Structures are given as structure tokens and as C-alpha cells.
Amino acid sequence: MKSFKLASLVGSAMVACSIGSGAWAGTNTGSLSVTSSVAQSCTVSTTSALAFGAYDPIAAGALPGTGSVSLKCTKGSSAITIDLDAGSHASGSQRRMLGGTSGDFLNYNVTQPATTTPWTSCAGSTVWGSTVGGSVYTPSGVTWSAAAAQAFTVCGSVPAVQDVSADGSYTDTVIVTVNF
């Protein structure tokens, strides 16, 4: 009887060692599909204020200013357009900044840069904005990347000889819309 119990114990120990050591009865393989999709996407990543500086209502010339809009778009994107709305204080197609204490309005204009490539000079004259009698801006020759923003110059001017009060600041907010 004792020898049967000993053989049983030795056999059980061998089975336990075989299972624990990775000796399997067999193996089989299969495959796992991995999928994703990438849709074209763009975001306004940063903006730099359209800053005019100090306006002199007596000066004979318009006061120029510049700012920028930066976009990040999916690699290989195409048919991108950038639109600027009329601003918070527009009257018809005239953009206006509101005086902080006086309640006066200071008219200003926003135009597209001279060309459709990033960081272009402000020699252009096309009004920027479909809601103010202008048009959308269509960048070209751009290598889009989600990792690197492309900056586009925003050009502006405050017309000369406006009858406004001395006020600490005149401000407005323009919404940037990127269409893709």
C-alpha cells in the first residue's frame, strides 16, 4: 500500500512540474485586426492680437496694425479657408472697436495679406471676412502638419480723422473660423 501512495505522490508532483514549466499539450495562433481612421481636422492653435497702438484722431494718415492667426491641420490637408467675422460691435459691414469708458466707436478695417502663403506682408487690400463684404482667405503652398502651426498675418488699419474721445482703450473681438 505504501508503494502505491508513493507512486501517486511522485506522479502528481511530475504533473504539477510539467504544467508549471510551460510544457503544453499544443499551440495555435490567430490574428488580431488593428484599425483606425484619420479624418481631416484643423484648429486655430493661437492668435496674436491685431494691435494698432495709440491712435491720434488729428493725424492725417491711417494707423496700420498687424496680428496673426495660427492653424494646425492634419498632414496633407487641402481646401482650407479662414474666415473672420464682423466683430462684436460692427455696424453693417464696418468693424468697430468700443471705447471702454466713452462708449465711442473707433472704426477699423481688416485685410488679407498680399499673398496666400504664411507670414506674408500687409501689402494686400482684399477685405478679410465674408460677413463684411469681403472674402475668406484661402492659403496655398502650405505643408500642413498637426505638429507644426502655420501662422498667417492679419492686416488692419484704423482710418484717419475719426471724431472719438480720448479713452484708455478701444477693443473688439473677432471670431476666426477655419473651414476644412
C-alpha atoms as a PDB file:
ATOM      1  CA  MET A   1       0.000   0.000   0.000  1.00  0.00           C
ATOM      2  CA  LYS A   2       2.784   2.309   0.825  1.00  0.00           C
ATOM      3  CA  SER A   3       4.373   1.949  -2.585  1.00  0.00           C
ATOM      4  CA  PHE A   4       1.099   2.868  -4.328  1.00  0.00           C
ATOM      5  CA  LYS A   5       0.795   6.085  -2.295  1.00  0.00           C
ATOM      6  CA  LEU A   6       4.420   6.963  -3.022  1.00  0.00           C
ATOM      7  CA  ALA A   7       3.947   6.413  -6.768  1.00  0.00           C
ATOM      8  CA  SER A   8       0.804   8.510  -6.675  1.00  0.00           C
ATOM      9  CA  LEU A   9       2.583  11.348  -4.946  1.00  0.00           C
ATOM     10  CA  VAL A  10       5.544  11.209  -7.345  1.00  0.00           C
ATOM     11  CA  GLY A  11       3.167  11.207 -10.367  1.00  0.00           C
ATOM     12  CA  SER A  12       1.206  14.178  -9.022  1.00  0.00           C
ATOM     13  CA  ALA A  13       4.420  16.125  -8.453  1.00  0.00           C
ATOM     14  CA  MET A  14       5.584  15.412 -12.014  1.00  0.00           C
ATOM     15  CA  VAL A  15       2.274  16.621 -13.464  1.00  0.00           C
ATOM     16  CA  ALA A  16       2.433  19.781 -11.378  1.00  0.00           C
ATOM     17  CA  CYS A  17       6.009  20.468 -12.548  1.00  0.00           C
ATOM     18  CA  SER A  18       5.084  19.905 -16.195  1.00  0.00           C
ATOM     19  CA  ILE A  19       2.149  22.306 -16.028  1.00  0.00           C
ATOM     20  CA  GLY A  20       4.174  24.962 -14.210  1.00  0.00           C
ATOM     21  CA  SER A  21       7.135  24.735 -16.596  1.00  0.00           C
ATOM     22  CA  GLY A  22       5.189  25.603 -19.766  1.00  0.00           C
ATOM     23  CA  ALA A  23       5.005  22.182 -21.338  1.00  0.00           C
ATOM     24  CA  TRP A  24       1.660  22.495 -23.090  1.00  0.00           C
ATOM     25  CA  ALA A  25      -0.248  19.938 -24.981  1.00  0.00           C
ATOM     26  CA  GLY A  26      -0.165  22.085 -28.136  1.00  0.00           C
ATOM     27  CA  THR A  27      -0.257  25.660 -29.512  1.00  0.00           C
ATOM     28  CA  ASN A  28      -2.332  27.508 -32.035  1.00  0.00           C
ATOM     29  CA  THR A  29      -2.189  31.035 -33.469  1.00  0.00           C
ATOM     30  CA  GLY A  30      -4.726  33.541 -34.690  1.00  0.00           C
ATOM     31  CA  SER A  31      -4.655  37.146 -35.828  1.00  0.00           C
ATOM     32  CA  LEU A  32      -5.976  40.350 -34.334  1.00  0.00           C
ATOM     33  CA  SER A  33      -7.001  43.127 -36.683  1.00  0.00           C
ATOM     34  CA  VAL A  34      -5.988  46.624 -35.632  1.00  0.00           C
ATOM     35  CA  THR A  35      -7.727  49.546 -37.337  1.00  0.00           C
ATOM     36  CA  SER A  36      -8.146  53.299 -37.085  1.00  0.00           C
ATOM     37  CA  SER A  37      -9.106  56.161 -39.317  1.00  0.00           C
ATOM     38  CA  VAL A  38      -7.827  59.713 -39.575  1.00  0.00           C
ATOM     39  CA  ALA A  39     -10.204  62.459 -40.587  1.00  0.00           C
ATOM     40  CA  GLN A  40      -9.040  65.833 -41.848  1.00  0.00           C
ATOM     41  CA  SER A  41      -9.033  68.274 -38.968  1.00  0.00           C
ATOM     42  CA  CYS A  42      -7.896  71.832 -38.289  1.00  0.00           C
ATOM     43  CA  THR A  43      -7.749  74.006 -35.205  1.00  0.00           C
ATOM     44  CA  VAL A  44      -6.963  77.620 -34.541  1.00  0.00           C
ATOM     45  CA  SER A  45      -3.928  76.997 -32.363  1.00  0.00           C
ATOM     46  CA  THR A  46      -3.028  80.572 -31.437  1.00  0.00           C
ATOM     47  CA  THR A  47      -3.780  84.128 -32.317  1.00  0.00           C
ATOM     48  CA  SER A  48      -1.766  87.268 -31.820  1.00  0.00           C
ATOM     49  CA  ALA A  49      -3.849  90.411 -31.274  1.00  0.00           C
ATOM     50  CA  LEU A  50      -4.350  92.825 -34.126  1.00  0.00           C
ATOM     51  CA  ALA A  51      -2.619  95.692 -32.332  1.00  0.00           C
ATOM     52  CA  PHE A  52      -2.859  99.242 -33.621  1.00  0.00           C
ATOM     53  CA  GLY A  53      -1.097 101.104 -30.854  1.00  0.00           C
ATOM     54  CA  ALA A  54      -2.017 104.700 -29.966  1.00  0.00           C
ATOM     55  CA  TYR A  55      -4.460 106.357 -32.345  1.00  0.00           C
ATOM     56  CA  ASP A  56      -4.198 110.104 -32.970  1.00  0.00           C
ATOM     57  CA  PRO A  57      -7.575 111.417 -34.217  1.00  0.00           C
ATOM     58  CA  ILE A  58      -5.886 114.539 -35.578  1.00  0.00           C
ATOM     59  CA  ALA A  59      -3.283 112.666 -37.684  1.00  0.00           C
ATOM     60  CA  ALA A  60      -3.840 112.770 -41.438  1.00  0.00           C
ATOM     61  CA  GLY A  61      -2.970 109.134 -42.146  1.00  0.00           C
ATOM     62  CA  ALA A  62      -4.493 105.789 -41.241  1.00  0.00           C
ATOM     63  CA  LEU A  63      -2.942 103.815 -38.372  1.00  0.00           C
ATOM     64  CA  PRO A  64      -1.729 100.373 -39.554  1.00  0.00           C
ATOM     65  CA  GLY A  65      -1.588  97.278 -37.374  1.00  0.00           C
ATOM     66  CA  THR A  66      -0.799  93.589 -37.647  1.00  0.00           C
ATOM     67  CA  GLY A  67      -1.657  90.394 -35.836  1.00  0.00           C
ATOM     68  CA  SER A  68      -1.661  86.717 -36.727  1.00  0.00           C
ATOM     69  CA  VAL A  69      -3.762  83.586 -36.813  1.00  0.00           C
ATOM     70  CA  SER A  70      -2.048  80.205 -36.484  1.00  0.00           C
ATOM     71  CA  LEU A  71      -3.561  76.927 -37.602  1.00  0.00           C
ATOM     72  CA  LYS A  72      -2.694  73.294 -37.127  1.00  0.00           C
ATOM     73  CA  CYS A  73      -4.235  70.968 -39.709  1.00  0.00           C
ATOM     74  CA  THR A  74      -3.927  67.264 -40.435  1.00  0.00           C
ATOM     75  CA  LYS A  75      -0.934  66.325 -42.591  1.00  0.00           C
ATOM     76  CA  GLY A  76      -1.838  66.566 -46.271  1.00  0.00           C
ATOM     77  CA  SER A  77      -4.953  68.709 -45.676  1.00  0.00           C
ATOM     78  CA  SER A  78      -6.386  70.656 -48.568  1.00  0.00           C
ATOM     79  CA  ALA A  79      -9.148  73.153 -49.356  1.00  0.00           C
ATOM     80  CA  ILE A  80      -8.550  75.105 -46.127  1.00  0.00           C
ATOM     81  CA  THR A  81     -10.142  78.548 -45.785  1.00  0.00           C
ATOM     82  CA  ILE A  82     -10.001  81.078 -42.957  1.00  0.00           C
ATOM     83  CA  ASP A  83     -12.854  83.493 -42.310  1.00  0.00           C
ATOM     84  CA  LEU A  84     -13.089  86.383 -39.854  1.00  0.00           C
ATOM     85  CA  ASP A  85     -16.486  87.581 -38.647  1.00  0.00           C
ATOM     86  CA  ALA A  86     -17.544  91.229 -38.376  1.00  0.00           C
ATOM     87  CA  GLY A  87     -16.612  91.518 -34.707  1.00  0.00           C
ATOM     88  CA  SER A  88     -18.741  92.259 -31.651  1.00  0.00           C
ATOM     89  CA  HIS A  89     -19.506  95.907 -32.420  1.00  0.00           C
ATOM     90  CA  ALA A  90     -19.896  96.048 -36.218  1.00  0.00           C
ATOM     91  CA  SER A  91     -22.389  98.333 -37.859  1.00  0.00           C
ATOM     92  CA  GLY A  92     -23.331  96.801 -41.196  1.00  0.00           C
ATOM     93  CA  SER A  93     -20.061  95.964 -42.898  1.00  0.00           C
ATOM     94  CA  GLN A  94     -17.999  98.384 -40.775  1.00  0.00           C
ATOM     95  CA  ARG A  95     -15.956  96.808 -37.994  1.00  0.00           C
ATOM     96  CA  ARG A  96     -15.733  98.954 -34.872  1.00  0.00           C
ATOM     97  CA  MET A  97     -13.941  98.931 -31.536  1.00  0.00           C
ATOM     98  CA  LEU A  98     -15.866 100.148 -28.497  1.00  0.00           C
ATOM     99  CA  GLY A  99     -14.321 102.675 -26.116  1.00  0.00           C
ATOM    100  CA  GLY A 100     -14.008 101.317 -22.594  1.00  0.00           C
ATOM    101  CA  THR A 101     -15.360 104.410 -20.813  1.00  0.00           C
ATOM    102  CA  SER A 102     -16.553 106.803 -23.509  1.00  0.00           C
ATOM    103  CA  GLY A 103     -18.912 104.494 -25.402  1.00  0.00           C
ATOM    104  CA  ASP A 104     -17.500 105.899 -28.668  1.00  0.00           C
ATOM    105  CA  PHE A 105     -16.758 103.607 -31.589  1.00  0.00           C
ATOM    106  CA  LEU A 106     -13.453 103.588 -33.457  1.00  0.00           C
ATOM    107  CA  ASN A 107     -13.770 102.190 -36.992  1.00  0.00           C
ATOM    108  CA  TYR A 108     -11.158  99.766 -38.280  1.00  0.00           C
ATOM    109  CA  ASN A 109     -10.574  97.503 -41.264  1.00  0.00           C
ATOM    110  CA  VAL A 110      -9.057  94.045 -41.624  1.00  0.00           C
ATOM    111  CA  THR A 111      -7.472  92.939 -44.882  1.00  0.00           C
ATOM    112  CA  GLN A 112      -5.863  89.757 -46.121  1.00  0.00           C
ATOM    113  CA  PRO A 113      -2.094  89.648 -46.564  1.00  0.00           C
ATOM    114  CA  ALA A 114      -0.574  90.220 -50.004  1.00  0.00           C
ATOM    115  CA  THR A 115      -0.222  86.512 -50.852  1.00  0.00           C
ATOM    116  CA  THR A 116      -1.708  83.237 -49.669  1.00  0.00           C
ATOM    117  CA  THR A 117       1.430  81.876 -48.003  1.00  0.00           C
ATOM    118  CA  PRO A 118       2.227  82.081 -44.280  1.00  0.00           C
ATOM    119  CA  TRP A 119       3.865  85.216 -42.803  1.00  0.00           C
ATOM    120  CA  THR A 120       3.184  87.457 -45.781  1.00  0.00           C
ATOM    121  CA  SER A 121       3.440  91.242 -45.685  1.00  0.00           C
ATOM    122  CA  CYS A 122       0.429  93.504 -45.417  1.00  0.00           C
ATOM    123  CA  ALA A 123       0.507  94.946 -48.924  1.00  0.00           C
ATOM    124  CA  GLY A 124      -2.872  93.405 -49.797  1.00  0.00           C
ATOM    125  CA  SER A 125      -6.186  95.241 -49.956  1.00  0.00           C
ATOM    126  CA  THR A 126      -8.820  92.466 -50.008  1.00  0.00           C
ATOM    127  CA  VAL A 127     -11.217  92.813 -47.090  1.00  0.00           C
ATOM    128  CA  TRP A 128     -10.991  89.727 -44.880  1.00  0.00           C
ATOM    129  CA  GLY A 129     -14.390  88.445 -43.860  1.00  0.00           C
ATOM    130  CA  SER A 130     -17.422  87.104 -45.679  1.00  0.00           C
ATOM    131  CA  THR A 131     -19.809  88.945 -43.317  1.00  0.00           C
ATOM    132  CA  VAL A 132     -18.347  92.397 -44.021  1.00  0.00           C
ATOM    133  CA  GLY A 133     -18.388  92.440 -47.810  1.00  0.00           C
ATOM    134  CA  GLY A 134     -15.040  90.703 -48.120  1.00  0.00           C
ATOM    135  CA  SER A 135     -13.993  87.135 -48.707  1.00  0.00           C
ATOM    136  CA  VAL A 136     -12.488  84.152 -46.978  1.00  0.00           C
ATOM    137  CA  TYR A 137      -8.738  83.672 -47.112  1.00  0.00           C
ATOM    138  CA  THR A 138      -7.519  80.540 -48.896  1.00  0.00           C
ATOM    139  CA  PRO A 139      -3.941  79.608 -48.001  1.00  0.00           C
ATOM    140  CA  SER A 140      -1.854  77.903 -50.670  1.00  0.00           C
ATOM    141  CA  GLY A 141       1.581  76.359 -50.887  1.00  0.00           C
ATOM    142  CA  VAL A 142       1.324  75.241 -47.258  1.00  0.00           C
ATOM    143  CA  THR A 143       2.723  71.987 -45.898  1.00  0.00           C
ATOM    144  CA  TRP A 144       0.151  71.197 -43.229  1.00  0.00           C
ATOM    145  CA  SER A 145       1.150  69.278 -40.116  1.00  0.00           C
ATOM    146  CA  ALA A 146      -0.613  68.617 -36.838  1.00  0.00           C
ATOM    147  CA  ALA A 147       2.766  69.050 -35.143  1.00  0.00           C
ATOM    148  CA  ALA A 148       3.634  72.495 -36.531  1.00  0.00           C
ATOM    149  CA  ALA A 149       1.370  75.531 -36.702  1.00  0.00           C
ATOM    150  CA  GLN A 150       1.225  77.739 -39.777  1.00  0.00           C
ATOM    151  CA  ALA A 151       0.860  81.453 -38.987  1.00  0.00           C
ATOM    152  CA  PHE A 152      -0.949  83.873 -41.280  1.00  0.00           C
ATOM    153  CA  THR A 153      -0.617  87.635 -40.991  1.00  0.00           C
ATOM    154  CA  VAL A 154      -3.755  89.611 -40.167  1.00  0.00           C
ATOM    155  CA  CYS A 155      -3.505  93.120 -41.586  1.00  0.00           C
ATOM    156  CA  GLY A 156      -5.515  96.081 -40.386  1.00  0.00           C
ATOM    157  CA  SER A 157      -5.860  99.826 -40.319  1.00  0.00           C
ATOM    158  CA  VAL A 158      -7.752 102.469 -38.381  1.00  0.00           C
ATOM    159  CA  PRO A 159      -8.925 105.217 -40.788  1.00  0.00           C
ATOM    160  CA  ALA A 160      -7.686 108.739 -40.141  1.00  0.00           C
ATOM    161  CA  VAL A 161      -9.615 111.646 -38.630  1.00  0.00           C
ATOM    162  CA  GLN A 162     -12.288 109.904 -36.610  1.00  0.00           C
ATOM    163  CA  ASP A 163     -14.115 112.051 -34.071  1.00  0.00           C
ATOM    164  CA  VAL A 164     -13.624 109.933 -30.943  1.00  0.00           C
ATOM    165  CA  SER A 165     -12.959 110.679 -27.291  1.00  0.00           C
ATOM    166  CA  ALA A 166      -9.666 110.090 -25.554  1.00  0.00           C
ATOM    167  CA  ASP A 167     -10.249 106.739 -23.905  1.00  0.00           C
ATOM    168  CA  GLY A 168      -7.913 104.307 -22.211  1.00  0.00           C
ATOM    169  CA  SER A 169      -8.721 101.537 -24.662  1.00  0.00           C
ATOM    170  CA  TYR A 170     -10.896 100.637 -27.597  1.00  0.00           C
ATOM    171  CA  THR A 171     -11.480  96.916 -28.114  1.00  0.00           C
ATOM    172  CA  ASP A 172     -13.330  94.397 -30.222  1.00  0.00           C
ATOM    173  CA  THR A 173     -13.381  90.609 -30.593  1.00  0.00           C
ATOM    174  CA  VAL A 174     -13.375  88.926 -33.992  1.00  0.00           C
ATOM    175  CA  ILE A 175     -14.192  85.216 -34.313  1.00  0.00           C
ATOM    176  CA  VAL A 176     -11.845  83.177 -36.519  1.00  0.00           C
ATOM    177  CA  THR A 177     -13.435  80.258 -38.392  1.00  0.00           C
ATOM    178  CA  VAL A 178     -11.346  77.672 -40.204  1.00  0.00           C
ATOM    179  CA  ASN A 179     -13.191  75.621 -42.834  1.00  0.00           C
ATOM    180  CA  PHE A 180     -11.741  72.299 -43.973  1.00  0.00           C
END
